[in-house]
Amino acid sequence: MNSLNLVGRVAKEIEVKEVGEKNTKILRNVLAVVDNYDREKTNFIQFTIFGKNAENFEKVVDKGDLVGLMNAELKIDQYENKEGEKRNSIYALASNWQLYRKKKDNGEEGNKKQNDKQKEQQHDSEGDWLTDDDMPF
């Protein structure tokens, strides 16, 4: 079974692109996850989200927000670079995600955006809508 659960902060600005003939939505980003054994160390883990989940992630999440990726699948893609060397790309393919905490934002415009986003509910791929009352902490 290939199942991965991660909690960390979004490390880059959120950007959704359309790819392929069907214009499939795809979001690629990096999650900064604190190491369990060495709290001074942070692991930067690439992740990908497709489709409606990617669109919802872009609407709700900002760089620096604390999110969870649940039941993600660890993927390893192999390719050759321009020099003909074989390389691996390792990332988490996430189908379920949850926003845990917004990054503190200073500034009037930032606070308005944060308040607007907090009013929206989070969505996972099974269609369940989550509220702050559903959070375990």
N, C-alpha and C. Protein backbone atom coordinates (compact mmCIF):
# COMPACT_ATOMS: atom_id res chain seq x y z
N MET A 1 0.85 -1.18 0.00
CA MET A 1 0.00 0.00 0.00
C MET A 1 0.89 1.23 0.00
N ASN A 2 0.59 2.17 -0.84
CA ASN A 2 1.37 3.40 -0.99
C ASN A 2 0.51 4.56 -0.51
N SER A 3 0.64 4.91 0.78
CA SER A 3 -0.17 5.98 1.37
C SER A 3 0.71 6.86 2.23
N LEU A 4 0.57 8.17 2.06
CA LEU A 4 1.44 9.13 2.71
C LEU A 4 0.59 10.25 3.29
N ASN A 5 0.84 10.62 4.54
CA ASN A 5 0.17 11.75 5.18
C ASN A 5 1.23 12.76 5.59
N LEU A 6 1.05 14.02 5.21
CA LEU A 6 2.01 15.07 5.50
C LEU A 6 1.29 16.30 6.04
N VAL A 7 1.92 16.98 6.98
CA VAL A 7 1.44 18.27 7.46
C VAL A 7 2.61 19.23 7.43
N GLY A 8 2.42 20.36 6.77
CA GLY A 8 3.48 21.35 6.68
C GLY A 8 2.98 22.65 6.10
N ARG A 9 3.90 23.57 5.90
CA ARG A 9 3.56 24.88 5.35
C ARG A 9 3.86 24.92 3.85
N VAL A 10 2.97 25.57 3.11
CA VAL A 10 3.15 25.72 1.67
C VAL A 10 4.32 26.66 1.43
N ALA A 11 5.31 26.21 0.65
CA ALA A 11 6.57 26.93 0.53
C ALA A 11 6.64 27.89 -0.65
N LYS A 12 5.73 27.78 -1.61
CA LYS A 12 5.78 28.65 -2.79
C LYS A 12 4.40 29.25 -3.06
N GLU A 13 4.38 30.31 -3.87
CA GLU A 13 3.11 30.90 -4.28
C GLU A 13 2.29 29.85 -5.03
N ILE A 14 0.98 29.90 -4.86
CA ILE A 14 0.08 28.92 -5.47
C ILE A 14 -0.19 29.30 -6.92
N GLU A 15 -0.03 28.32 -7.81
CA GLU A 15 -0.31 28.56 -9.22
C GLU A 15 -0.87 27.28 -9.83
N VAL A 16 -2.05 27.40 -10.45
CA VAL A 16 -2.66 26.28 -11.14
C VAL A 16 -2.49 26.49 -12.63
N LYS A 17 -2.06 25.43 -13.32
CA LYS A 17 -1.89 25.48 -14.77
C LYS A 17 -2.83 24.48 -15.42
N GLU A 18 -3.10 24.71 -16.70
CA GLU A 18 -3.88 23.76 -17.48
C GLU A 18 -2.93 23.03 -18.42
N VAL A 19 -3.03 21.69 -18.46
CA VAL A 19 -2.14 20.90 -19.29
C VAL A 19 -2.94 19.90 -20.13
N GLY A 20 -2.36 19.49 -21.24
CA GLY A 20 -2.95 18.46 -22.08
C GLY A 20 -4.09 18.95 -22.95
N GLU A 21 -4.59 18.05 -23.77
CA GLU A 21 -5.68 18.37 -24.69
C GLU A 21 -6.98 18.69 -23.96
N LYS A 22 -7.17 18.09 -22.78
CA LYS A 22 -8.39 18.31 -22.02
C LYS A 22 -8.28 19.47 -21.04
N ASN A 23 -7.16 20.21 -21.09
CA ASN A 23 -6.91 21.34 -20.19
C ASN A 23 -7.10 20.96 -18.72
N THR A 24 -6.50 19.85 -18.33
CA THR A 24 -6.57 19.39 -16.96
C THR A 24 -5.85 20.36 -16.04
N LYS A 25 -6.50 20.73 -14.93
CA LYS A 25 -5.89 21.63 -13.95
C LYS A 25 -4.85 20.86 -13.14
N ILE A 26 -3.68 21.48 -12.96
CA ILE A 26 -2.62 20.86 -12.18
C ILE A 26 -1.92 21.91 -11.32
N LEU A 27 -1.68 21.55 -10.08
CA LEU A 27 -0.98 22.42 -9.14
C LEU A 27 0.25 21.66 -8.66
N ARG A 28 1.41 22.28 -8.81
CA ARG A 28 2.66 21.72 -8.28
C ARG A 28 3.22 22.73 -7.28
N ASN A 29 3.62 22.22 -6.12
CA ASN A 29 4.15 23.11 -5.10
C ASN A 29 5.07 22.31 -4.19
N VAL A 30 5.50 22.94 -3.11
CA VAL A 30 6.41 22.31 -2.14
C VAL A 30 5.85 22.52 -0.75
N LEU A 31 5.91 21.46 0.06
CA LEU A 31 5.45 21.51 1.44
C LEU A 31 6.68 21.45 2.35
N ALA A 32 6.81 22.44 3.25
CA ALA A 32 7.90 22.46 4.23
C ALA A 32 7.43 21.71 5.48
N VAL A 33 8.02 20.55 5.72
CA VAL A 33 7.61 19.67 6.81
C VAL A 33 8.74 19.55 7.82
N VAL A 34 8.45 19.84 9.08
CA VAL A 34 9.45 19.75 10.14
C VAL A 34 9.75 18.27 10.40
N ASP A 35 11.03 17.93 10.50
CA ASP A 35 11.48 16.57 10.75
C ASP A 35 11.05 16.13 12.15
N ASN A 36 10.51 14.90 12.28
CA ASN A 36 10.06 14.40 13.58
C ASN A 36 11.21 14.17 14.56
N TYR A 37 12.38 13.80 14.07
CA TYR A 37 13.48 13.45 14.95
C TYR A 37 14.43 14.60 15.23
N ASP A 38 14.54 15.51 14.30
CA ASP A 38 15.41 16.67 14.47
C ASP A 38 14.58 17.92 14.17
N ARG A 39 13.99 18.52 15.20
CA ARG A 39 13.07 19.65 15.05
C ARG A 39 13.72 20.87 14.41
N GLU A 40 15.05 20.89 14.33
CA GLU A 40 15.77 21.99 13.70
C GLU A 40 15.83 21.82 12.18
N LYS A 41 15.47 20.64 11.70
CA LYS A 41 15.55 20.33 10.28
C LYS A 41 14.17 20.40 9.63
N THR A 42 14.13 20.94 8.41
CA THR A 42 12.89 21.00 7.63
C THR A 42 13.10 20.26 6.33
N ASN A 43 12.15 19.40 5.98
CA ASN A 43 12.18 18.68 4.71
C ASN A 43 11.25 19.39 3.73
N PHE A 44 11.72 19.60 2.52
CA PHE A 44 10.92 20.26 1.50
C PHE A 44 10.46 19.19 0.51
N ILE A 45 9.17 18.90 0.54
CA ILE A 45 8.61 17.79 -0.22
C ILE A 45 7.71 18.33 -1.33
N GLN A 46 8.01 17.96 -2.56
CA GLN A 46 7.20 18.39 -3.69
C GLN A 46 5.88 17.63 -3.67
N PHE A 47 4.80 18.33 -4.06
CA PHE A 47 3.51 17.66 -4.18
C PHE A 47 2.76 18.18 -5.40
N THR A 48 1.81 17.37 -5.86
CA THR A 48 0.99 17.68 -7.02
C THR A 48 -0.46 17.39 -6.68
N ILE A 49 -1.35 18.26 -7.16
CA ILE A 49 -2.80 18.07 -7.02
C ILE A 49 -3.43 18.32 -8.38
N PHE A 50 -4.40 17.49 -8.78
CA PHE A 50 -5.07 17.62 -10.07
C PHE A 50 -6.53 18.03 -9.93
N GLY A 51 -7.07 18.55 -11.02
CA GLY A 51 -8.51 18.76 -11.18
C GLY A 51 -9.13 19.78 -10.25
N LYS A 52 -10.35 19.48 -9.83
CA LYS A 52 -11.12 20.39 -8.98
C LYS A 52 -10.43 20.64 -7.64
N ASN A 53 -9.74 19.61 -7.13
CA ASN A 53 -8.99 19.80 -5.88
C ASN A 53 -7.92 20.86 -6.03
N ALA A 54 -7.27 20.92 -7.19
CA ALA A 54 -6.25 21.94 -7.44
C ALA A 54 -6.89 23.32 -7.47
N GLU A 55 -8.05 23.44 -8.12
CA GLU A 55 -8.75 24.73 -8.18
C GLU A 55 -9.15 25.19 -6.79
N ASN A 56 -9.70 24.28 -5.97
CA ASN A 56 -10.11 24.63 -4.61
C ASN A 56 -8.92 25.01 -3.74
N PHE A 57 -7.82 24.31 -3.90
CA PHE A 57 -6.59 24.61 -3.15
C PHE A 57 -6.15 26.04 -3.46
N GLU A 58 -6.16 26.40 -4.74
CA GLU A 58 -5.74 27.74 -5.16
C GLU A 58 -6.66 28.82 -4.57
N LYS A 59 -7.95 28.54 -4.46
CA LYS A 59 -8.91 29.52 -3.94
C LYS A 59 -8.74 29.76 -2.44
N VAL A 60 -8.31 28.74 -1.70
CA VAL A 60 -8.33 28.79 -0.24
C VAL A 60 -6.96 28.97 0.40
N VAL A 61 -5.92 28.43 -0.22
CA VAL A 61 -4.61 28.34 0.42
C VAL A 61 -3.65 29.39 -0.14
N ASP A 62 -2.81 29.93 0.72
CA ASP A 62 -1.76 30.87 0.36
C ASP A 62 -0.40 30.32 0.80
N LYS A 63 0.65 30.88 0.25
CA LYS A 63 2.01 30.55 0.67
C LYS A 63 2.12 30.78 2.17
N GLY A 64 2.70 29.82 2.88
CA GLY A 64 2.89 29.94 4.33
C GLY A 64 1.80 29.30 5.16
N ASP A 65 0.67 28.95 4.55
CA ASP A 65 -0.42 28.32 5.29
C ASP A 65 -0.05 26.89 5.68
N LEU A 66 -0.57 26.44 6.83
CA LEU A 66 -0.35 25.08 7.30
C LEU A 66 -1.44 24.19 6.71
N VAL A 67 -1.03 23.18 5.94
CA VAL A 67 -2.00 22.28 5.31
C VAL A 67 -1.60 20.83 5.56
N GLY A 68 -2.58 19.96 5.42
CA GLY A 68 -2.35 18.53 5.50
C GLY A 68 -2.69 17.88 4.18
N LEU A 69 -1.85 16.96 3.76
CA LEU A 69 -2.12 16.13 2.59
C LEU A 69 -2.38 14.73 3.12
N MET A 70 -3.59 14.22 2.90
CA MET A 70 -3.97 12.92 3.43
C MET A 70 -4.09 11.90 2.31
N ASN A 71 -3.64 10.69 2.60
CA ASN A 71 -3.71 9.57 1.66
C ASN A 71 -3.07 9.92 0.32
N ALA A 72 -2.00 10.69 0.37
CA ALA A 72 -1.25 11.00 -0.85
C ALA A 72 -0.49 9.75 -1.27
N GLU A 73 -0.11 9.71 -2.53
CA GLU A 73 0.65 8.58 -3.06
C GLU A 73 2.05 9.05 -3.41
N LEU A 74 3.06 8.35 -2.93
CA LEU A 74 4.43 8.69 -3.26
C LEU A 74 4.71 8.23 -4.69
N LYS A 75 5.14 9.15 -5.55
CA LYS A 75 5.38 8.86 -6.96
C LYS A 75 6.85 9.10 -7.28
N ILE A 76 7.39 8.26 -8.16
CA ILE A 76 8.76 8.42 -8.64
C ILE A 76 8.70 8.33 -10.16
N ASP A 77 8.96 9.45 -10.82
CA ASP A 77 9.00 9.50 -12.28
C ASP A 77 10.45 9.49 -12.72
N GLN A 78 10.76 8.70 -13.73
CA GLN A 78 12.11 8.64 -14.27
C GLN A 78 12.15 9.35 -15.62
N TYR A 79 13.24 10.09 -15.86
CA TYR A 79 13.39 10.81 -17.12
C TYR A 79 14.88 10.99 -17.42
N GLU A 80 15.17 11.42 -18.64
CA GLU A 80 16.54 11.74 -19.03
C GLU A 80 16.66 13.24 -19.19
N ASN A 81 17.73 13.82 -18.64
CA ASN A 81 17.96 15.25 -18.79
C ASN A 81 18.60 15.54 -20.15
N LYS A 82 18.92 16.79 -20.41
CA LYS A 82 19.48 17.19 -21.71
C LYS A 82 20.81 16.51 -22.01
N GLU A 83 21.54 16.15 -20.96
CA GLU A 83 22.84 15.49 -21.14
C GLU A 83 22.70 13.98 -21.29
N GLY A 84 21.48 13.47 -21.27
CA GLY A 84 21.24 12.04 -21.42
C GLY A 84 21.37 11.24 -20.13
N GLU A 85 21.49 11.94 -19.01
CA GLU A 85 21.61 11.25 -17.71
C GLU A 85 20.22 10.91 -17.17
N LYS A 86 20.10 9.73 -16.59
CA LYS A 86 18.83 9.32 -16.00
C LYS A 86 18.63 10.02 -14.66
N ARG A 87 17.45 10.55 -14.46
CA ARG A 87 17.10 11.27 -13.23
C ARG A 87 15.76 10.75 -12.69
N ASN A 88 15.55 10.98 -11.40
CA ASN A 88 14.28 10.66 -10.76
C ASN A 88 13.63 11.93 -10.24
N SER A 89 12.33 11.99 -10.33
CA SER A 89 11.54 13.06 -9.73
C SER A 89 10.62 12.40 -8.71
N ILE A 90 10.78 12.78 -7.44
CA ILE A 90 10.00 12.17 -6.36
C ILE A 90 9.05 13.23 -5.80
N TYR A 91 7.76 12.88 -5.69
CA TYR A 91 6.76 13.83 -5.20
C TYR A 91 5.57 13.08 -4.61
N ALA A 92 4.74 13.80 -3.87
CA ALA A 92 3.50 13.26 -3.31
C ALA A 92 2.36 13.68 -4.23
N LEU A 93 1.58 12.71 -4.70
CA LEU A 93 0.39 12.98 -5.49
C LEU A 93 -0.79 12.97 -4.52
N ALA A 94 -1.34 14.15 -4.25
CA ALA A 94 -2.36 14.30 -3.20
C ALA A 94 -3.76 14.33 -3.81
N SER A 95 -4.65 13.56 -3.22
CA SER A 95 -6.05 13.62 -3.64
C SER A 95 -6.92 14.26 -2.55
N ASN A 96 -6.47 14.22 -1.31
CA ASN A 96 -7.19 14.84 -0.20
C ASN A 96 -6.28 15.83 0.50
N TRP A 97 -6.82 16.98 0.85
CA TRP A 97 -6.05 17.99 1.57
C TRP A 97 -6.96 18.73 2.52
N GLN A 98 -6.34 19.38 3.50
CA GLN A 98 -7.11 20.16 4.47
C GLN A 98 -6.28 21.35 4.92
N LEU A 99 -6.91 22.50 5.02
CA LEU A 99 -6.26 23.70 5.55
C LEU A 99 -6.38 23.66 7.07
N TYR A 100 -5.25 23.71 7.77
CA TYR A 100 -5.25 23.69 9.23
C TYR A 100 -5.16 25.08 9.82
N ARG A 101 -4.26 25.92 9.27
CA ARG A 101 -4.08 27.25 9.87
C ARG A 101 -3.56 28.20 8.81
N LYS A 102 -4.13 29.40 8.79
CA LYS A 102 -3.66 30.46 7.90
C LYS A 102 -2.42 31.10 8.50
N LYS A 103 -1.50 31.49 7.63
CA LYS A 103 -0.33 32.24 8.07
C LYS A 103 -0.80 33.60 8.56
N LYS A 104 -0.24 34.09 9.62
CA LYS A 104 -0.60 35.43 10.11
C LYS A 104 -0.20 36.44 9.05
N ASP A 105 -1.12 37.35 8.72
CA ASP A 105 -0.87 38.31 7.65
C ASP A 105 -1.05 39.71 8.21
N ASN A 106 -0.05 40.55 8.03
CA ASN A 106 -0.14 41.95 8.45
C ASN A 106 -0.61 42.79 7.27
N GLY A 107 -1.36 43.81 7.55
CA GLY A 107 -1.82 44.68 6.47
C GLY A 107 -3.32 44.52 6.26
N GLU A 108 -3.96 45.61 5.95
CA GLU A 108 -5.42 45.63 5.82
C GLU A 108 -5.90 44.75 4.67
N GLU A 109 -5.24 44.86 3.51
CA GLU A 109 -5.67 44.08 2.35
C GLU A 109 -5.47 42.59 2.60
N GLY A 110 -4.34 42.24 3.20
CA GLY A 110 -4.06 40.85 3.50
C GLY A 110 -5.05 40.28 4.49
N ASN A 111 -5.41 41.05 5.52
CA ASN A 111 -6.38 40.58 6.50
C ASN A 111 -7.75 40.37 5.87
N LYS A 112 -8.15 41.25 4.94
CA LYS A 112 -9.44 41.08 4.27
C LYS A 112 -9.44 39.78 3.47
N LYS A 113 -8.35 39.52 2.74
CA LYS A 113 -8.25 38.30 1.95
C LYS A 113 -8.29 37.08 2.87
N GLN A 114 -7.56 37.16 3.97
CA GLN A 114 -7.54 36.06 4.92
C GLN A 114 -8.93 35.82 5.50
N ASN A 115 -9.64 36.88 5.90
CA ASN A 115 -10.98 36.73 6.46
C ASN A 115 -11.94 36.16 5.43
N ASP A 116 -11.84 36.61 4.18
CA ASP A 116 -12.70 36.08 3.12
C ASP A 116 -12.45 34.59 2.92
N LYS A 117 -11.20 34.19 2.91
CA LYS A 117 -10.87 32.79 2.70
C LYS A 117 -11.29 31.93 3.88
N GLN A 118 -11.19 32.47 5.10
CA GLN A 118 -11.58 31.69 6.26
C GLN A 118 -13.08 31.43 6.27
N LYS A 119 -13.85 32.28 5.60
CA LYS A 119 -15.28 32.06 5.53
C LYS A 119 -15.63 30.91 4.60
N GLU A 120 -14.72 30.63 3.63
CA GLU A 120 -14.95 29.52 2.72
C GLU A 120 -14.67 28.22 3.45
N GLN A 121 -15.36 27.17 3.03
CA GLN A 121 -15.12 25.87 3.64
C GLN A 121 -14.12 25.10 2.81
N GLN A 122 -13.38 24.19 3.49
CA GLN A 122 -12.38 23.37 2.83
C GLN A 122 -13.05 22.14 2.23
N HIS A 123 -12.45 21.61 1.18
CA HIS A 123 -13.04 20.51 0.44
C HIS A 123 -12.03 19.39 0.26
N ASP A 124 -12.49 18.16 0.43
CA ASP A 124 -11.62 17.04 0.07
C ASP A 124 -12.25 16.30 -1.11
N SER A 125 -11.52 15.35 -1.68
CA SER A 125 -11.96 14.73 -2.92
C SER A 125 -13.21 13.88 -2.77
N GLU A 126 -13.60 13.53 -1.55
CA GLU A 126 -14.79 12.73 -1.36
C GLU A 126 -16.04 13.60 -1.29
N GLY A 127 -15.89 14.91 -1.40
CA GLY A 127 -17.04 15.80 -1.42
C GLY A 127 -17.50 16.26 -0.05
N ASP A 128 -16.76 15.93 1.01
CA ASP A 128 -17.13 16.37 2.36
C ASP A 128 -16.64 17.79 2.57
N TRP A 129 -17.51 18.62 3.14
CA TRP A 129 -17.12 20.00 3.46
C TRP A 129 -16.75 20.06 4.91
N LEU A 130 -15.61 20.67 5.20
CA LEU A 130 -15.06 20.71 6.54
C LEU A 130 -15.11 22.12 7.09
N THR A 131 -15.36 22.22 8.37
CA THR A 131 -15.38 23.51 9.04
C THR A 131 -14.35 23.48 10.17
N ASP A 132 -14.14 24.62 10.84
CA ASP A 132 -13.21 24.69 11.95
C ASP A 132 -13.60 23.73 13.08
N ASP A 133 -14.90 23.45 13.23
CA ASP A 133 -15.36 22.54 14.27
C ASP A 133 -14.89 21.10 14.04
N ASP A 134 -14.54 20.77 12.78
CA ASP A 134 -14.07 19.43 12.45
C ASP A 134 -12.59 19.23 12.76
N MET A 135 -11.87 20.31 13.09
CA MET A 135 -10.44 20.21 13.33
C MET A 135 -10.18 19.51 14.66
N PRO A 136 -9.14 18.68 14.72
CA PRO A 136 -8.85 17.93 15.95
C PRO A 136 -8.21 18.77 17.05
N PHE A 137 -7.87 20.04 16.75
CA PHE A 137 -7.24 20.90 17.77
C PHE A 137 -7.85 22.26 17.78
